[in-house]
Amino acid sequence: MKKLTLLLLLFTLSMQAKFYKATVTYNDGTTKNGFTEIPYYRSAVKFRASEKSDTEKIEGDLIKTVHVYFDDNSDQTYFYLFPAQGGSKEPKKQKKKQWFASTYLGKVYFLYFDVDGNIATSMPGRNYFVHIPGNDYALWFMVELAGNQHMVGKKKLFRKMIEANFTEICPALVEKSKSEKFEITEMPELIKIYKQTCE
């Protein structure tokens, strides 16, 4: 996972150029409503008070979340955090923060970022992370590889990562993962089990 710092180019160029209705929440709790681009690899967020107003840049370190409302009535929350590895006891943080999108927000947040490219130069796919609110980092959990690529030993890795990340947060989930009946190998399935077991 040494390539984590290089995996920051997400989604499509057309989405990057578009501004969406959004709420920026600062670290001090104050909010600012307007329009933003989707946060990507840049640290700063481009913000407009209205659709036709001038663009300003807000540094990521000042922001707690960016909540974006899309044209299809869906919405998404983005967090500016350090990617980290090593489990909850001894996290090893990367040197630079990056933007993460949310897939589930509960007692624990499940976040992700997407990686474009090819297998020769990177690991294209969706990288999932676990974030405990209050920490300035998110812990790498799993990657769903793009295309027809498949990860060998995925079930075993799921069990290993559950134990590394949830022993203190939700021991019941760790116990379930040790069962012979535990067959989960996809993140949506894990999140469903997490909600049933830990929330």
C-alpha atoms as a PDB file:
ATOM      1  CA  MET A   1       0.000   0.000   0.000  1.00  0.00           C
ATOM      2  CA  LYS A   2       2.962   2.334  -0.504  1.00  0.00           C
ATOM      3  CA  LYS A   3       1.105   3.688  -3.501  1.00  0.00           C
ATOM      4  CA  LEU A   4      -1.685   5.215  -1.408  1.00  0.00           C
ATOM      5  CA  THR A   5      -0.223   8.685  -1.804  1.00  0.00           C
ATOM      6  CA  LEU A   6      -0.329   8.247  -5.597  1.00  0.00           C
ATOM      7  CA  LEU A   7      -3.917   7.009  -5.808  1.00  0.00           C
ATOM      8  CA  LEU A   8      -5.665  10.341  -5.617  1.00  0.00           C
ATOM      9  CA  LEU A   9      -7.201  10.936  -9.074  1.00  0.00           C
ATOM     10  CA  LEU A  10     -10.927  10.235  -8.802  1.00  0.00           C
ATOM     11  CA  PHE A  11     -14.059  10.112 -10.961  1.00  0.00           C
ATOM     12  CA  THR A  12     -14.288  12.066 -14.245  1.00  0.00           C
ATOM     13  CA  LEU A  13     -12.968  15.375 -15.526  1.00  0.00           C
ATOM     14  CA  SER A  14     -16.452  16.535 -16.426  1.00  0.00           C
ATOM     15  CA  MET A  15     -17.622  16.181 -12.818  1.00  0.00           C
ATOM     16  CA  GLN A  16     -14.591  18.095 -11.576  1.00  0.00           C
ATOM     17  CA  ALA A  17     -15.582  21.147 -13.661  1.00  0.00           C
ATOM     18  CA  LYS A  18     -19.191  21.242 -12.452  1.00  0.00           C
ATOM     19  CA  PHE A  19     -20.390  23.106  -9.372  1.00  0.00           C
ATOM     20  CA  TYR A  20     -23.072  21.543  -7.160  1.00  0.00           C
ATOM     21  CA  LYS A  21     -25.184  22.922  -4.362  1.00  0.00           C
ATOM     22  CA  ALA A  22     -23.283  22.256  -1.132  1.00  0.00           C
ATOM     23  CA  THR A  23     -22.818  23.030   2.547  1.00  0.00           C
ATOM     24  CA  VAL A  24     -19.294  23.518   3.839  1.00  0.00           C
ATOM     25  CA  THR A  25     -18.885  22.879   7.577  1.00  0.00           C
ATOM     26  CA  TYR A  26     -15.782  24.358   9.145  1.00  0.00           C
ATOM     27  CA  ASN A  27     -13.782  22.816  11.991  1.00  0.00           C
ATOM     28  CA  ASP A  28     -15.272  25.380  14.414  1.00  0.00           C
ATOM     29  CA  GLY A  29     -18.808  24.255  13.534  1.00  0.00           C
ATOM     30  CA  THR A  30     -19.813  27.232  11.394  1.00  0.00           C
ATOM     31  CA  THR A  31     -21.320  26.531   7.986  1.00  0.00           C
ATOM     32  CA  LYS A  32     -21.353  28.155   4.571  1.00  0.00           C
ATOM     33  CA  ASN A  33     -23.993  27.374   1.957  1.00  0.00           C
ATOM     34  CA  GLY A  34     -23.333  27.756  -1.741  1.00  0.00           C
ATOM     35  CA  PHE A  35     -21.872  25.738  -4.587  1.00  0.00           C
ATOM     36  CA  THR A  36     -18.681  23.656  -4.800  1.00  0.00           C
ATOM     37  CA  GLU A  37     -16.880  21.342  -7.140  1.00  0.00           C
ATOM     38  CA  ILE A  38     -16.540  17.742  -6.003  1.00  0.00           C
ATOM     39  CA  PRO A  39     -13.494  17.622  -3.686  1.00  0.00           C
ATOM     40  CA  TYR A  40     -10.693  15.631  -5.323  1.00  0.00           C
ATOM     41  CA  TYR A  41      -6.934  15.500  -5.043  1.00  0.00           C
ATOM     42  CA  ARG A  42      -6.589  19.254  -4.498  1.00  0.00           C
ATOM     43  CA  SER A  43      -6.423  20.269  -0.865  1.00  0.00           C
ATOM     44  CA  ALA A  44      -8.504  23.409  -1.407  1.00  0.00           C
ATOM     45  CA  VAL A  45     -12.204  23.371  -2.268  1.00  0.00           C
ATOM     46  CA  LYS A  46     -13.506  25.706  -4.968  1.00  0.00           C
ATOM     47  CA  PHE A  47     -16.566  27.524  -3.601  1.00  0.00           C
ATOM     48  CA  ARG A  48     -19.126  29.958  -4.969  1.00  0.00           C
ATOM     49  CA  ALA A  49     -21.726  31.753  -2.850  1.00  0.00           C
ATOM     50  CA  SER A  50     -24.111  31.549  -5.824  1.00  0.00           C
ATOM     51  CA  GLU A  51     -23.961  29.822  -9.192  1.00  0.00           C
ATOM     52  CA  LYS A  52     -22.723  32.952 -10.971  1.00  0.00           C
ATOM     53  CA  SER A  53     -20.577  34.524  -8.231  1.00  0.00           C
ATOM     54  CA  ASP A  54     -16.790  34.600  -8.182  1.00  0.00           C
ATOM     55  CA  THR A  55     -14.931  31.444  -7.201  1.00  0.00           C
ATOM     56  CA  GLU A  56     -12.972  31.360  -3.968  1.00  0.00           C
ATOM     57  CA  LYS A  57     -10.756  28.627  -2.559  1.00  0.00           C
ATOM     58  CA  ILE A  58     -11.205  27.220   0.952  1.00  0.00           C
ATOM     59  CA  GLU A  59      -8.263  25.249   2.307  1.00  0.00           C
ATOM     60  CA  GLY A  60      -9.093  21.666   3.246  1.00  0.00           C
ATOM     61  CA  ASP A  61      -7.467  21.962   6.675  1.00  0.00           C
ATOM     62  CA  LEU A  62     -10.143  24.505   7.634  1.00  0.00           C
ATOM     63  CA  ILE A  63     -12.994  22.167   6.685  1.00  0.00           C
ATOM     64  CA  LYS A  64     -14.687  19.422   8.674  1.00  0.00           C
ATOM     65  CA  THR A  65     -17.043  18.261   5.898  1.00  0.00           C
ATOM     66  CA  VAL A  66     -18.382  19.220   2.494  1.00  0.00           C
ATOM     67  CA  HIS A  67     -21.920  17.989   1.920  1.00  0.00           C
ATOM     68  CA  VAL A  68     -22.798  17.982  -1.784  1.00  0.00           C
ATOM     69  CA  TYR A  69     -26.283  17.743  -3.316  1.00  0.00           C
ATOM     70  CA  PHE A  70     -26.346  16.227  -6.810  1.00  0.00           C
ATOM     71  CA  ASP A  71     -28.756  16.848  -9.667  1.00  0.00           C
ATOM     72  CA  ASP A  72     -30.369  13.405  -9.269  1.00  0.00           C
ATOM     73  CA  ASN A  73     -31.441  14.296  -5.680  1.00  0.00           C
ATOM     74  CA  SER A  74     -28.709  12.133  -4.135  1.00  0.00           C
ATOM     75  CA  ASP A  75     -26.137  13.617  -1.776  1.00  0.00           C
ATOM     76  CA  GLN A  76     -22.664  12.842  -0.496  1.00  0.00           C
ATOM     77  CA  THR A  77     -20.448  13.930   2.403  1.00  0.00           C
ATOM     78  CA  TYR A  78     -16.700  14.445   1.898  1.00  0.00           C
ATOM     79  CA  PHE A  79     -13.973  14.420   4.551  1.00  0.00           C
ATOM     80  CA  TYR A  80     -10.373  15.701   4.398  1.00  0.00           C
ATOM     81  CA  LEU A  81      -8.249  13.175   6.308  1.00  0.00           C
ATOM     82  CA  PHE A  82      -4.930  11.359   6.416  1.00  0.00           C
ATOM     83  CA  PRO A  83      -5.007   7.903   4.787  1.00  0.00           C
ATOM     84  CA  ALA A  84      -3.560   5.400   7.284  1.00  0.00           C
ATOM     85  CA  GLN A  85      -2.772   1.718   7.676  1.00  0.00           C
ATOM     86  CA  GLY A  86      -2.038  -0.712  10.474  1.00  0.00           C
ATOM     87  CA  GLY A  87      -5.318  -1.138  12.337  1.00  0.00           C
ATOM     88  CA  SER A  88      -6.783   0.985  15.118  1.00  0.00           C
ATOM     89  CA  LYS A  89      -4.019   0.294  17.659  1.00  0.00           C
ATOM     90  CA  GLU A  90      -0.985   1.436  15.663  1.00  0.00           C
ATOM     91  CA  PRO A  91      -2.103   3.567  12.719  1.00  0.00           C
ATOM     92  CA  LYS A  92       0.591   4.700  10.307  1.00  0.00           C
ATOM     93  CA  LYS A  93      -0.568   7.903   8.671  1.00  0.00           C
ATOM     94  CA  GLN A  94       0.439   9.108   5.252  1.00  0.00           C
ATOM     95  CA  LYS A  95       2.155  12.495   5.120  1.00  0.00           C
ATOM     96  CA  LYS A  96      -0.585  14.229   3.140  1.00  0.00           C
ATOM     97  CA  LYS A  97      -4.336  14.403   3.644  1.00  0.00           C
ATOM     98  CA  GLN A  98      -6.831  13.695   0.897  1.00  0.00           C
ATOM     99  CA  TRP A  99     -10.553  13.805   0.272  1.00  0.00           C
ATOM    100  CA  PHE A 100     -12.753  10.807   1.064  1.00  0.00           C
ATOM    101  CA  ALA A 101     -16.370  10.245   0.081  1.00  0.00           C
ATOM    102  CA  SER A 102     -18.833   8.601   2.459  1.00  0.00           C
ATOM    103  CA  THR A 103     -20.665   5.346   1.861  1.00  0.00           C
ATOM    104  CA  TYR A 104     -22.108   4.937   5.382  1.00  0.00           C
ATOM    105  CA  LEU A 105     -22.104   7.295   8.380  1.00  0.00           C
ATOM    106  CA  GLY A 106     -22.914   5.746  11.754  1.00  0.00           C
ATOM    107  CA  LYS A 107     -20.945   5.286  14.952  1.00  0.00           C
ATOM    108  CA  VAL A 108     -18.144   4.403  12.542  1.00  0.00           C
ATOM    109  CA  TYR A 109     -17.837   5.976   9.106  1.00  0.00           C
ATOM    110  CA  PHE A 110     -17.155   3.866   6.028  1.00  0.00           C
ATOM    111  CA  LEU A 111     -15.393   6.065   3.476  1.00  0.00           C
ATOM    112  CA  TYR A 112     -13.734   5.550   0.112  1.00  0.00           C
ATOM    113  CA  PHE A 113     -11.816   7.067  -2.723  1.00  0.00           C
ATOM    114  CA  ASP A 114     -11.624   5.815  -6.298  1.00  0.00           C
ATOM    115  CA  VAL A 115      -8.427   5.252  -8.234  1.00  0.00           C
ATOM    116  CA  ASP A 116      -8.160   5.489 -12.003  1.00  0.00           C
ATOM    117  CA  GLY A 117      -5.347   3.973 -14.045  1.00  0.00           C
ATOM    118  CA  ASN A 118      -4.174   0.511 -14.975  1.00  0.00           C
ATOM    119  CA  ILE A 119      -2.741  -2.382 -13.026  1.00  0.00           C
ATOM    120  CA  ALA A 120       0.774  -1.694 -14.381  1.00  0.00           C
ATOM    121  CA  THR A 121       1.023   1.740 -12.756  1.00  0.00           C
ATOM    122  CA  SER A 122      -1.462   1.645  -9.856  1.00  0.00           C
ATOM    123  CA  MET A 123      -4.262  -0.404  -8.329  1.00  0.00           C
ATOM    124  CA  PRO A 124      -7.423   0.891 -10.029  1.00  0.00           C
ATOM    125  CA  GLY A 125     -10.610   0.411  -8.086  1.00  0.00           C
ATOM    126  CA  ARG A 126     -12.402   1.654  -4.992  1.00  0.00           C
ATOM    127  CA  ASN A 127     -10.386   1.844  -1.769  1.00  0.00           C
ATOM    128  CA  TYR A 128     -12.503   1.569   1.383  1.00  0.00           C
ATOM    129  CA  PHE A 129     -11.514   3.046   4.735  1.00  0.00           C
ATOM    130  CA  VAL A 130     -12.857   3.030   8.295  1.00  0.00           C
ATOM    131  CA  HIS A 131     -12.995   6.348  10.143  1.00  0.00           C
ATOM    132  CA  ILE A 132     -13.807   6.951  13.798  1.00  0.00           C
ATOM    133  CA  PRO A 133     -15.289  10.452  14.212  1.00  0.00           C
ATOM    134  CA  GLY A 134     -12.814  12.723  15.980  1.00  0.00           C
ATOM    135  CA  ASN A 135      -9.698  11.177  14.448  1.00  0.00           C
ATOM    136  CA  ASP A 136      -7.803  13.037  11.737  1.00  0.00           C
ATOM    137  CA  TYR A 137      -7.194   9.841   9.749  1.00  0.00           C
ATOM    138  CA  ALA A 138      -9.063   6.980   8.074  1.00  0.00           C
ATOM    139  CA  LEU A 139      -7.776   3.409   8.174  1.00  0.00           C
ATOM    140  CA  TRP A 140      -7.467   1.444   4.956  1.00  0.00           C
ATOM    141  CA  PHE A 141      -9.750  -1.562   4.977  1.00  0.00           C
ATOM    142  CA  MET A 142     -10.206  -3.080   1.530  1.00  0.00           C
ATOM    143  CA  VAL A 143      -9.975  -2.416  -2.198  1.00  0.00           C
ATOM    144  CA  GLU A 144     -12.591  -3.457  -4.719  1.00  0.00           C
ATOM    145  CA  LEU A 145     -10.561  -3.865  -7.908  1.00  0.00           C
ATOM    146  CA  ALA A 146     -11.868  -2.361 -11.125  1.00  0.00           C
ATOM    147  CA  GLY A 147     -12.920  -4.346 -14.173  1.00  0.00           C
ATOM    148  CA  ASN A 148     -12.408  -8.094 -14.193  1.00  0.00           C
ATOM    149  CA  GLN A 149      -9.604  -8.110 -11.651  1.00  0.00           C
ATOM    150  CA  HIS A 150     -10.116 -10.334  -8.623  1.00  0.00           C
ATOM    151  CA  MET A 151      -8.344 -10.410  -5.282  1.00  0.00           C
ATOM    152  CA  VAL A 152      -7.062 -13.795  -4.097  1.00  0.00           C
ATOM    153  CA  GLY A 153      -7.822 -14.721  -0.476  1.00  0.00           C
ATOM    154  CA  LYS A 154     -10.398 -11.990  -0.068  1.00  0.00           C
ATOM    155  CA  LYS A 155     -12.464 -13.767   2.581  1.00  0.00           C
ATOM    156  CA  LYS A 156      -9.378 -14.269   4.749  1.00  0.00           C
ATOM    157  CA  LEU A 157      -8.373 -10.630   4.301  1.00  0.00           C
ATOM    158  CA  PHE A 158     -11.859  -9.460   5.313  1.00  0.00           C
ATOM    159  CA  ARG A 159     -11.603 -11.423   8.556  1.00  0.00           C
ATOM    160  CA  LYS A 160      -8.120 -10.053   9.233  1.00  0.00           C
ATOM    161  CA  MET A 161      -9.178  -6.446   8.656  1.00  0.00           C
ATOM    162  CA  ILE A 162     -12.327  -6.805  10.751  1.00  0.00           C
ATOM    163  CA  GLU A 163     -10.224  -8.029  13.667  1.00  0.00           C
ATOM    164  CA  ALA A 164      -7.669  -5.239  13.192  1.00  0.00           C
ATOM    165  CA  ASN A 165     -10.274  -2.472  13.060  1.00  0.00           C
ATOM    166  CA  PHE A 166     -13.254  -3.631  15.146  1.00  0.00           C
ATOM    167  CA  THR A 167     -11.873  -5.539  18.147  1.00  0.00           C
ATOM    168  CA  GLU A 168     -12.498  -2.566  20.451  1.00  0.00           C
ATOM    169  CA  ILE A 169     -15.264  -0.866  18.483  1.00  0.00           C
ATOM    170  CA  CYS A 170     -17.527  -3.888  17.993  1.00  0.00           C
ATOM    171  CA  PRO A 171     -16.283  -7.230  19.408  1.00  0.00           C
ATOM    172  CA  ALA A 172     -19.514  -8.909  18.299  1.00  0.00           C
ATOM    173  CA  LEU A 173     -18.618  -8.279  14.663  1.00  0.00           C
ATOM    174  CA  VAL A 174     -15.188  -9.839  15.194  1.00  0.00           C
ATOM    175  CA  GLU A 175     -16.808 -12.927  16.695  1.00  0.00           C
ATOM    176  CA  LYS A 176     -19.183 -13.225  13.745  1.00  0.00           C
ATOM    177  CA  SER A 177     -16.269 -12.997  11.327  1.00  0.00           C
ATOM    178  CA  LYS A 178     -14.625 -16.023  12.965  1.00  0.00           C
ATOM    179  CA  SER A 179     -17.620 -18.239  12.265  1.00  0.00           C
ATOM    180  CA  GLU A 180     -17.408 -20.820   9.468  1.00  0.00           C
ATOM    181  CA  LYS A 181     -20.681 -19.384   8.177  1.00  0.00           C
ATOM    182  CA  PHE A 182     -19.093 -15.972   7.602  1.00  0.00           C
ATOM    183  CA  GLU A 183     -18.916 -15.676   3.808  1.00  0.00           C
ATOM    184  CA  ILE A 184     -18.748 -11.910   3.306  1.00  0.00           C
ATOM    185  CA  THR A 185     -16.366 -10.684   0.607  1.00  0.00           C
ATOM    186  CA  GLU A 186     -18.004  -7.400  -0.472  1.00  0.00           C
ATOM    187  CA  MET A 187     -18.165  -4.065   1.348  1.00  0.00           C
ATOM    188  CA  PRO A 188     -21.939  -3.468   0.975  1.00  0.00           C
ATOM    189  CA  GLU A 189     -22.504  -6.850   2.662  1.00  0.00           C
ATOM    190  CA  LEU A 190     -20.109  -5.956   5.480  1.00  0.00           C
ATOM    191  CA  ILE A 191     -21.760  -2.583   6.046  1.00  0.00           C
ATOM    192  CA  LYS A 192     -25.149  -4.301   6.276  1.00  0.00           C
ATOM    193  CA  ILE A 193     -23.808  -6.760   8.879  1.00  0.00           C
ATOM    194  CA  TYR A 194     -22.097  -3.901  10.735  1.00  0.00           C
ATOM    195  CA  LYS A 195     -25.375  -1.968  10.971  1.00  0.00           C
ATOM    196  CA  GLN A 196     -27.229  -5.044  12.256  1.00  0.00           C
ATOM    197  CA  THR A 197     -24.538  -5.990  14.768  1.00  0.00           C
ATOM    198  CA  CYS A 198     -22.909  -2.777  15.965  1.00  0.00           C
ATOM    199  CA  GLU A 199     -25.275   0.169  15.641  1.00  0.00           C
END
